[in-house]
Amino acid sequence: MADTPAATFEAKLARLEEIVRLLEGDAIPLQDSVTLFNEGRVLAQDCEAMLRTAQDAIEAAPPAEPASPASPRAAVAESANGSLFDDDALA
């Protein structure tokens, strides 16, 4: 795999999975296995760095404002006042 700056996490992970499958097989010579192993090690380090960067970005993001759901008491009070699903209004 050519080491391009545009290589995505998904592309690197897919190549790493392919390398693992190749190394688990018996069909490649020892020298090729060593070359693949080294490529896989670099890819694994790249993927780990990308994940760490993503995690840091997530942790640095400001917390989202939680939606303020109506309290159950308010819903019961509205229902008792006839403002929620007024049966007379439906008829």
PDB file of N, CA and C in Angstrom:
ATOM      1  N   MET A   1       0.852  -1.180   0.000  1.00  0.00           N
ATOM      2  CA  MET A   1       0.000   0.000   0.000  1.00  0.00           C
ATOM      3  C   MET A   1       0.889   1.231   0.000  1.00  0.00           C
ATOM      4  N   ALA A   2       0.656   2.118  -0.915  1.00  0.00           N
ATOM      5  CA  ALA A   2       1.420   3.350  -0.972  1.00  0.00           C
ATOM      6  C   ALA A   2       1.035   4.219   0.207  1.00  0.00           C
ATOM      7  N   ASP A   3       2.035   4.810   0.853  1.00  0.00           N
ATOM      8  CA  ASP A   3       1.768   5.641   2.020  1.00  0.00           C
ATOM      9  C   ASP A   3       1.447   7.045   1.566  1.00  0.00           C
ATOM     10  N   THR A   4       0.162   7.298   1.325  1.00  0.00           N
ATOM     11  CA  THR A   4      -0.276   8.614   0.880  1.00  0.00           C
ATOM     12  C   THR A   4      -0.920   9.338   2.039  1.00  0.00           C
ATOM     13  N   PRO A   5      -0.787  10.658   2.103  1.00  0.00           N
ATOM     14  CA  PRO A   5      -1.406  11.397   3.201  1.00  0.00           C
ATOM     15  C   PRO A   5      -2.920  11.267   3.215  1.00  0.00           C
ATOM     16  N   ALA A   6      -3.500  10.980   2.064  1.00  0.00           N
ATOM     17  CA  ALA A   6      -4.958  10.907   1.964  1.00  0.00           C
ATOM     18  C   ALA A   6      -5.504   9.544   2.376  1.00  0.00           C
ATOM     19  N   ALA A   7      -4.628   8.604   2.719  1.00  0.00           N
ATOM     20  CA  ALA A   7      -5.106   7.274   3.100  1.00  0.00           C
ATOM     21  C   ALA A   7      -5.959   7.388   4.357  1.00  0.00           C
ATOM     22  N   THR A   8      -7.159   6.889   4.267  1.00  0.00           N
ATOM     23  CA  THR A   8      -8.088   6.991   5.380  1.00  0.00           C
ATOM     24  C   THR A   8      -7.850   5.881   6.392  1.00  0.00           C
ATOM     25  N   PHE A   9      -8.408   6.075   7.555  1.00  0.00           N
ATOM     26  CA  PHE A   9      -8.342   5.050   8.587  1.00  0.00           C
ATOM     27  C   PHE A   9      -8.913   3.740   8.058  1.00  0.00           C
ATOM     28  N   GLU A  10     -10.048   3.831   7.386  1.00  0.00           N
ATOM     29  CA  GLU A  10     -10.709   2.634   6.878  1.00  0.00           C
ATOM     30  C   GLU A  10      -9.845   1.902   5.853  1.00  0.00           C
ATOM     31  N   ALA A  11      -9.166   2.653   4.987  1.00  0.00           N
ATOM     32  CA  ALA A  11      -8.295   2.040   3.976  1.00  0.00           C
ATOM     33  C   ALA A  11      -7.107   1.361   4.645  1.00  0.00           C
ATOM     34  N   LYS A  12      -6.540   2.023   5.630  1.00  0.00           N
ATOM     35  CA  LYS A  12      -5.394   1.440   6.334  1.00  0.00           C
ATOM     36  C   LYS A  12      -5.809   0.194   7.100  1.00  0.00           C
ATOM     37  N   LEU A  13      -6.957   0.248   7.736  1.00  0.00           N
ATOM     38  CA  LEU A  13      -7.444  -0.906   8.480  1.00  0.00           C
ATOM     39  C   LEU A  13      -7.732  -2.081   7.544  1.00  0.00           C
ATOM     40  N   ALA A  14      -8.303  -1.795   6.383  1.00  0.00           N
ATOM     41  CA  ALA A  14      -8.592  -2.853   5.411  1.00  0.00           C
ATOM     42  C   ALA A  14      -7.294  -3.507   4.941  1.00  0.00           C
ATOM     43  N   ARG A  15      -6.270  -2.688   4.682  1.00  0.00           N
ATOM     44  CA  ARG A  15      -4.976  -3.246   4.262  1.00  0.00           C
ATOM     45  C   ARG A  15      -4.362  -4.064   5.386  1.00  0.00           C
ATOM     46  N   LEU A  16      -4.483  -3.594   6.607  1.00  0.00           N
ATOM     47  CA  LEU A  16      -3.964  -4.338   7.749  1.00  0.00           C
ATOM     48  C   LEU A  16      -4.659  -5.692   7.885  1.00  0.00           C
ATOM     49  N   GLU A  17      -5.957  -5.720   7.703  1.00  0.00           N
ATOM     50  CA  GLU A  17      -6.705  -6.989   7.755  1.00  0.00           C
ATOM     51  C   GLU A  17      -6.255  -7.926   6.642  1.00  0.00           C
ATOM     52  N   GLU A  18      -5.995  -7.362   5.455  1.00  0.00           N
ATOM     53  CA  GLU A  18      -5.508  -8.176   4.338  1.00  0.00           C
ATOM     54  C   GLU A  18      -4.141  -8.776   4.667  1.00  0.00           C
ATOM     55  N   ILE A  19      -3.274  -7.985   5.272  1.00  0.00           N
ATOM     56  CA  ILE A  19      -1.948  -8.473   5.647  1.00  0.00           C
ATOM     57  C   ILE A  19      -2.066  -9.610   6.652  1.00  0.00           C
ATOM     58  N   VAL A  20      -2.948  -9.457   7.618  1.00  0.00           N
ATOM     59  CA  VAL A  20      -3.149 -10.515   8.614  1.00  0.00           C
ATOM     60  C   VAL A  20      -3.585 -11.809   7.931  1.00  0.00           C
ATOM     61  N   ARG A  21      -4.527 -11.704   6.999  1.00  0.00           N
ATOM     62  CA  ARG A  21      -4.979 -12.912   6.272  1.00  0.00           C
ATOM     63  C   ARG A  21      -3.829 -13.556   5.510  1.00  0.00           C
ATOM     64  N   LEU A  22      -3.009 -12.751   4.865  1.00  0.00           N
ATOM     65  CA  LEU A  22      -1.871 -13.283   4.113  1.00  0.00           C
ATOM     66  C   LEU A  22      -0.867 -13.961   5.038  1.00  0.00           C
ATOM     67  N   LEU A  23      -0.581 -13.336   6.171  1.00  0.00           N
ATOM     68  CA  LEU A  23       0.392 -13.905   7.101  1.00  0.00           C
ATOM     69  C   LEU A  23      -0.125 -15.172   7.773  1.00  0.00           C
ATOM     70  N   GLU A  24      -1.423 -15.293   7.919  1.00  0.00           N
ATOM     71  CA  GLU A  24      -1.995 -16.503   8.514  1.00  0.00           C
ATOM     72  C   GLU A  24      -1.944 -17.689   7.555  1.00  0.00           C
ATOM     73  N   GLY A  25      -1.803 -17.414   6.266  1.00  0.00           N
ATOM     74  CA  GLY A  25      -1.733 -18.477   5.277  1.00  0.00           C
ATOM     75  C   GLY A  25      -0.316 -19.037   5.168  1.00  0.00           C
ATOM     76  N   ASP A  26      -0.169 -20.039   4.321  1.00  0.00           N
ATOM     77  CA  ASP A  26       1.128 -20.701   4.141  1.00  0.00           C
ATOM     78  C   ASP A  26       1.767 -20.368   2.803  1.00  0.00           C
ATOM     79  N   ALA A  27       1.134 -19.548   1.992  1.00  0.00           N
ATOM     80  CA  ALA A  27       1.523 -19.420   0.596  1.00  0.00           C
ATOM     81  C   ALA A  27       2.609 -18.392   0.309  1.00  0.00           C
ATOM     82  N   ILE A  28       3.113 -17.675   1.293  1.00  0.00           N
ATOM     83  CA  ILE A  28       4.090 -16.637   0.971  1.00  0.00           C
ATOM     84  C   ILE A  28       5.463 -16.971   1.565  1.00  0.00           C
ATOM     85  N   PRO A  29       6.508 -16.622   0.845  1.00  0.00           N
ATOM     86  CA  PRO A  29       7.868 -16.894   1.327  1.00  0.00           C
ATOM     87  C   PRO A  29       8.203 -16.065   2.573  1.00  0.00           C
ATOM     88  N   LEU A  30       9.216 -16.505   3.288  1.00  0.00           N
ATOM     89  CA  LEU A  30       9.609 -15.876   4.531  1.00  0.00           C
ATOM     90  C   LEU A  30       9.928 -14.387   4.352  1.00  0.00           C
ATOM     91  N   GLN A  31      10.715 -14.046   3.339  1.00  0.00           N
ATOM     92  CA  GLN A  31      11.084 -12.645   3.142  1.00  0.00           C
ATOM     93  C   GLN A  31       9.854 -11.777   2.893  1.00  0.00           C
ATOM     94  N   ASP A  32       8.901 -12.290   2.131  1.00  0.00           N
ATOM     95  CA  ASP A  32       7.655 -11.548   1.909  1.00  0.00           C
ATOM     96  C   ASP A  32       6.866 -11.400   3.210  1.00  0.00           C
ATOM     97  N   SER A  33       6.918 -12.428   4.041  1.00  0.00           N
ATOM     98  CA  SER A  33       6.241 -12.367   5.340  1.00  0.00           C
ATOM     99  C   SER A  33       6.844 -11.258   6.201  1.00  0.00           C
ATOM    100  N   VAL A  34       8.156 -11.145   6.198  1.00  0.00           N
ATOM    101  CA  VAL A  34       8.826 -10.105   6.975  1.00  0.00           C
ATOM    102  C   VAL A  34       8.441  -8.724   6.455  1.00  0.00           C
ATOM    103  N   THR A  35       8.419  -8.576   5.137  1.00  0.00           N
ATOM    104  CA  THR A  35       8.031  -7.298   4.530  1.00  0.00           C
ATOM    105  C   THR A  35       6.598  -6.944   4.893  1.00  0.00           C
ATOM    106  N   LEU A  36       5.702  -7.909   4.788  1.00  0.00           N
ATOM    107  CA  LEU A  36       4.302  -7.675   5.142  1.00  0.00           C
ATOM    108  C   LEU A  36       4.138  -7.352   6.625  1.00  0.00           C
ATOM    109  N   PHE A  37       4.886  -8.064   7.453  1.00  0.00           N
ATOM    110  CA  PHE A  37       4.818  -7.812   8.891  1.00  0.00           C
ATOM    111  C   PHE A  37       5.210  -6.370   9.200  1.00  0.00           C
ATOM    112  N   ASN A  38       6.296  -5.911   8.605  1.00  0.00           N
ATOM    113  CA  ASN A  38       6.746  -4.539   8.837  1.00  0.00           C
ATOM    114  C   ASN A  38       5.728  -3.518   8.337  1.00  0.00           C
ATOM    115  N   GLU A  39       5.138  -3.782   7.175  1.00  0.00           N
ATOM    116  CA  GLU A  39       4.090  -2.895   6.661  1.00  0.00           C
ATOM    117  C   GLU A  39       2.906  -2.874   7.621  1.00  0.00           C
ATOM    118  N   GLY A  40       2.528  -4.032   8.109  1.00  0.00           N
ATOM    119  CA  GLY A  40       1.409  -4.132   9.045  1.00  0.00           C
ATOM    120  C   GLY A  40       1.680  -3.400  10.346  1.00  0.00           C
ATOM    121  N   ARG A  41       2.920  -3.483  10.825  1.00  0.00           N
ATOM    122  CA  ARG A  41       3.280  -2.785  12.061  1.00  0.00           C
ATOM    123  C   ARG A  41       3.137  -1.275  11.889  1.00  0.00           C
ATOM    124  N   VAL A  42       3.588  -0.748  10.751  1.00  0.00           N
ATOM    125  CA  VAL A  42       3.465   0.687  10.471  1.00  0.00           C
ATOM    126  C   VAL A  42       1.988   1.073  10.359  1.00  0.00           C
ATOM    127  N   LEU A  43       1.209   0.259   9.664  1.00  0.00           N
ATOM    128  CA  LEU A  43      -0.225   0.543   9.531  1.00  0.00           C
ATOM    129  C   LEU A  43      -0.921   0.532  10.888  1.00  0.00           C
ATOM    130  N   ALA A  44      -0.567  -0.428  11.729  1.00  0.00           N
ATOM    131  CA  ALA A  44      -1.176  -0.503  13.058  1.00  0.00           C
ATOM    132  C   ALA A  44      -0.837   0.749  13.870  1.00  0.00           C
ATOM    133  N   GLN A  45       0.402   1.217  13.778  1.00  0.00           N
ATOM    134  CA  GLN A  45       0.797   2.436  14.484  1.00  0.00           C
ATOM    135  C   GLN A  45       0.040   3.649  13.937  1.00  0.00           C
ATOM    136  N   ASP A  46      -0.109   3.715  12.610  1.00  0.00           N
ATOM    137  CA  ASP A  46      -0.863   4.812  11.992  1.00  0.00           C
ATOM    138  C   ASP A  46      -2.317   4.806  12.454  1.00  0.00           C
ATOM    139  N   CYS A  47      -2.934   3.633  12.453  1.00  0.00           N
ATOM    140  CA  CYS A  47      -4.340   3.519  12.869  1.00  0.00           C
ATOM    141  C   CYS A  47      -4.490   3.914  14.337  1.00  0.00           C
ATOM    142  N   GLU A  48      -3.554   3.482  15.162  1.00  0.00           N
ATOM    143  CA  GLU A  48      -3.618   3.828  16.577  1.00  0.00           C
ATOM    144  C   GLU A  48      -3.498   5.339  16.768  1.00  0.00           C
ATOM    145  N   ALA A  49      -2.600   5.973  16.018  1.00  0.00           N
ATOM    146  CA  ALA A  49      -2.442   7.426  16.112  1.00  0.00           C
ATOM    147  C   ALA A  49      -3.704   8.150  15.642  1.00  0.00           C
ATOM    148  N   MET A  50      -4.319   7.643  14.573  1.00  0.00           N
ATOM    149  CA  MET A  50      -5.548   8.256  14.063  1.00  0.00           C
ATOM    150  C   MET A  50      -6.676   8.126  15.091  1.00  0.00           C
ATOM    151  N   LEU A  51      -6.773   6.971  15.726  1.00  0.00           N
ATOM    152  CA  LEU A  51      -7.793   6.770  16.753  1.00  0.00           C
ATOM    153  C   LEU A  51      -7.544   7.676  17.953  1.00  0.00           C
ATOM    154  N   ARG A  52      -6.299   7.810  18.346  1.00  0.00           N
ATOM    155  CA  ARG A  52      -5.957   8.673  19.469  1.00  0.00           C
ATOM    156  C   ARG A  52      -6.321  10.136  19.151  1.00  0.00           C
ATOM    157  N   THR A  53      -6.037  10.564  17.918  1.00  0.00           N
ATOM    158  CA  THR A  53      -6.377  11.923  17.499  1.00  0.00           C
ATOM    159  C   THR A  53      -7.891  12.140  17.525  1.00  0.00           C
ATOM    160  N   ALA A  54      -8.628  11.154  17.035  1.00  0.00           N
ATOM    161  CA  ALA A  54     -10.094  11.255  17.043  1.00  0.00           C
ATOM    162  C   ALA A  54     -10.625  11.297  18.471  1.00  0.00           C
ATOM    163  N   GLN A  55     -10.069  10.479  19.339  1.00  0.00           N
ATOM    164  CA  GLN A  55     -10.506  10.463  20.733  1.00  0.00           C
ATOM    165  C   GLN A  55     -10.202  11.803  21.401  1.00  0.00           C
ATOM    166  N   ASP A  56      -9.026  12.345  21.146  1.00  0.00           N
ATOM    167  CA  ASP A  56      -8.672  13.650  21.714  1.00  0.00           C
ATOM    168  C   ASP A  56      -9.631  14.733  21.238  1.00  0.00           C
ATOM    169  N   ALA A  57     -10.006  14.681  19.953  1.00  0.00           N
ATOM    170  CA  ALA A  57     -10.934  15.676  19.413  1.00  0.00           C
ATOM    171  C   ALA A  57     -12.307  15.550  20.068  1.00  0.00           C
ATOM    172  N   ILE A  58     -12.735  14.332  20.301  1.00  0.00           N
ATOM    173  CA  ILE A  58     -14.032  14.109  20.944  1.00  0.00           C
ATOM    174  C   ILE A  58     -14.002  14.613  22.384  1.00  0.00           C
ATOM    175  N   GLU A  59     -12.926  14.313  23.086  1.00  0.00           N
ATOM    176  CA  GLU A  59     -12.822  14.733  24.478  1.00  0.00           C
ATOM    177  C   GLU A  59     -12.682  16.248  24.600  1.00  0.00           C
ATOM    178  N   ALA A  60     -12.112  16.901  23.594  1.00  0.00           N
ATOM    179  CA  ALA A  60     -11.922  18.346  23.632  1.00  0.00           C
ATOM    180  C   ALA A  60     -13.173  19.112  23.212  1.00  0.00           C
ATOM    181  N   ALA A  61     -14.117  18.436  22.586  1.00  0.00           N
ATOM    182  CA  ALA A  61     -15.339  19.094  22.125  1.00  0.00           C
ATOM    183  C   ALA A  61     -16.164  19.540  23.327  1.00  0.00           C
ATOM    184  N   PRO A  62     -16.790  20.709  23.214  1.00  0.00           N
ATOM    185  CA  PRO A  62     -17.630  21.154  24.326  1.00  0.00           C
ATOM    186  C   PRO A  62     -18.829  20.220  24.477  1.00  0.00           C
ATOM    187  N   PRO A  63     -19.302  20.060  25.699  1.00  0.00           N
ATOM    188  CA  PRO A  63     -20.448  19.166  25.891  1.00  0.00           C
ATOM    189  C   PRO A  63     -21.686  19.723  25.192  1.00  0.00           C
ATOM    190  N   ALA A  64     -22.464  18.830  24.670  1.00  0.00           N
ATOM    191  CA  ALA A  64     -23.707  19.224  23.997  1.00  0.00           C
ATOM    192  C   ALA A  64     -24.725  19.627  25.057  1.00  0.00           C
ATOM    193  N   GLU A  65     -25.540  20.577  24.707  1.00  0.00           N
ATOM    194  CA  GLU A  65     -26.621  20.980  25.605  1.00  0.00           C
ATOM    195  C   GLU A  65     -27.686  19.884  25.583  1.00  0.00           C
ATOM    196  N   PRO A  66     -28.001  19.332  26.738  1.00  0.00           N
ATOM    197  CA  PRO A  66     -29.029  18.284  26.751  1.00  0.00           C
ATOM    198  C   PRO A  66     -30.397  18.882  26.447  1.00  0.00           C
ATOM    199  N   ALA A  67     -31.176  18.137  25.732  1.00  0.00           N
ATOM    200  CA  ALA A  67     -32.550  18.559  25.467  1.00  0.00           C
ATOM    201  C   ALA A  67     -33.295  18.496  26.788  1.00  0.00           C
ATOM    202  N   SER A  68     -34.099  19.494  27.049  1.00  0.00           N
ATOM    203  CA  SER A  68     -34.817  19.510  28.322  1.00  0.00           C
ATOM    204  C   SER A  68     -36.185  18.880  28.123  1.00  0.00           C
ATOM    205  N   PRO A  69     -36.283  17.602  28.449  1.00  0.00           N
ATOM    206  CA  PRO A  69     -37.583  16.941  28.308  1.00  0.00           C
ATOM    207  C   PRO A  69     -38.558  17.492  29.338  1.00  0.00           C
ATOM    208  N   ALA A  70     -39.814  17.484  28.983  1.00  0.00           N
ATOM    209  CA  ALA A  70     -40.845  17.940  29.913  1.00  0.00           C
ATOM    210  C   ALA A  70     -40.855  16.997  31.099  1.00  0.00           C
ATOM    211  N   SER A  71     -40.984  17.560  32.247  1.00  0.00           N
ATOM    212  CA  SER A  71     -40.993  16.719  33.437  1.00  0.00           C
ATOM    213  C   SER A  71     -42.281  15.899  33.457  1.00  0.00           C
ATOM    214  N   PRO A  72     -42.223  14.720  34.035  1.00  0.00           N
ATOM    215  CA  PRO A  72     -43.446  13.884  34.119  1.00  0.00           C
ATOM    216  C   PRO A  72     -44.563  14.590  34.884  1.00  0.00           C
ATOM    217  N   ARG A  73     -44.199  15.392  35.883  1.00  0.00           N
ATOM    218  CA  ARG A  73     -45.230  16.102  36.656  1.00  0.00           C
ATOM    219  C   ARG A  73     -45.964  17.113  35.776  1.00  0.00           C
ATOM    220  N   ALA A  74     -45.217  17.790  34.902  1.00  0.00           N
ATOM    221  CA  ALA A  74     -45.845  18.780  34.022  1.00  0.00           C
ATOM    222  C   ALA A  74     -46.810  18.092  33.066  1.00  0.00           C
ATOM    223  N   ALA A  75     -46.429  16.930  32.566  1.00  0.00           N
ATOM    224  CA  ALA A  75     -47.296  16.204  31.650  1.00  0.00           C
ATOM    225  C   ALA A  75     -48.569  15.759  32.346  1.00  0.00           C
ATOM    226  N   VAL A  76     -48.456  15.314  33.591  1.00  0.00           N
ATOM    227  CA  VAL A  76     -49.633  14.893  34.347  1.00  0.00           C
ATOM    228  C   VAL A  76     -50.526  16.094  34.620  1.00  0.00           C
ATOM    229  N   ALA A  77     -49.925  17.229  34.977  1.00  0.00           N
ATOM    230  CA  ALA A  77     -50.701  18.427  35.263  1.00  0.00           C
ATOM    231  C   ALA A  77     -51.435  18.897  34.009  1.00  0.00           C
ATOM    232  N   GLU A  78     -50.759  18.880  32.868  1.00  0.00           N
ATOM    233  CA  GLU A  78     -51.407  19.293  31.621  1.00  0.00           C
ATOM    234  C   GLU A  78     -52.551  18.358  31.286  1.00  0.00           C
ATOM    235  N   SER A  79     -52.338  17.065  31.501  1.00  0.00           N
ATOM    236  CA  SER A  79     -53.365  16.087  31.211  1.00  0.00           C
ATOM    237  C   SER A  79     -54.581  16.315  32.108  1.00  0.00           C
ATOM    238  N   ALA A  80     -54.344  16.610  33.373  1.00  0.00           N
ATOM    239  CA  ALA A  80     -55.444  16.850  34.310  1.00  0.00           C
ATOM    240  C   ALA A  80     -56.208  18.117  33.940  1.00  0.00           C
ATOM    241  N   ASN A  81     -55.522  19.080  33.343  1.00  0.00           N
ATOM    242  CA  ASN A  81     -56.173  20.325  32.943  1.00  0.00           C
ATOM    243  C   ASN A  81     -56.865  20.198  31.589  1.00  0.00           C
ATOM    244  N   GLY A  82     -56.723  19.075  30.962  1.00  0.00           N
ATOM    245  CA  GLY A  82     -57.368  18.861  29.681  1.00  0.00           C
ATOM    246  C   GLY A  82     -56.602  19.411  28.491  1.00  0.00           C
ATOM    247  N   SER A  83     -55.351  19.809  28.682  1.00  0.00           N
ATOM    248  CA  SER A  83     -54.605  20.379  27.564  1.00  0.00           C
ATOM    249  C   SER A  83     -53.894  19.328  26.728  1.00  0.00           C
ATOM    250  N   LEU A  84     -53.763  18.127  27.243  1.00  0.00           N
ATOM    251  CA  LEU A  84     -53.167  17.043  26.457  1.00  0.00           C
ATOM    252  C   LEU A  84     -54.249  16.049  26.089  1.00  0.00           C
ATOM    253  N   PHE A  85     -54.463  15.850  24.818  1.00  0.00           N
ATOM    254  CA  PHE A  85     -55.404  14.849  24.320  1.00  0.00           C
ATOM    255  C   PHE A  85     -56.766  14.974  24.978  1.00  0.00           C
ATOM    256  N   ASP A  86     -57.326  16.119  24.902  1.00  0.00           N
ATOM    257  CA  ASP A  86     -58.641  16.369  25.465  1.00  0.00           C
ATOM    258  C   ASP A  86     -59.655  15.499  24.729  1.00  0.00           C
ATOM    259  N   ASP A  87     -60.289  14.575  25.437  1.00  0.00           N
ATOM    260  CA  ASP A  87     -61.225  13.635  24.802  1.00  0.00           C
ATOM    261  C   ASP A  87     -62.403  14.351  24.166  1.00  0.00           C
ATOM    262  N   ASP A  88     -62.864  15.447  24.734  1.00  0.00           N
ATOM    263  CA  ASP A  88     -63.995  16.177  24.182  1.00  0.00           C
ATOM    264  C   ASP A  88     -63.625  16.827  22.846  1.00  0.00           C
ATOM    265  N   ALA A  89     -62.366  17.235  22.726  1.00  0.00           N
ATOM    266  CA  ALA A  89     -61.926  17.894  21.494  1.00  0.00           C
ATOM    267  C   ALA A  89     -61.821  16.891  20.357  1.00  0.00           C
ATOM    268  N   LEU A  90     -61.608  15.638  20.655  1.00  0.00           N
ATOM    269  CA  LEU A  90     -61.462  14.619  19.619  1.00  0.00           C
ATOM    270  C   LEU A  90     -62.815  14.154  19.080  1.00  0.00           C
ATOM    271  N   ALA A  91     -63.839  14.295  19.831  1.00  0.00           N
ATOM    272  CA  ALA A  91     -65.146  13.780  19.455  1.00  0.00           C
ATOM    273  C   ALA A  91     -65.819  14.637  18.418  1.00  0.00           C
TER     274      ALA A  91
END
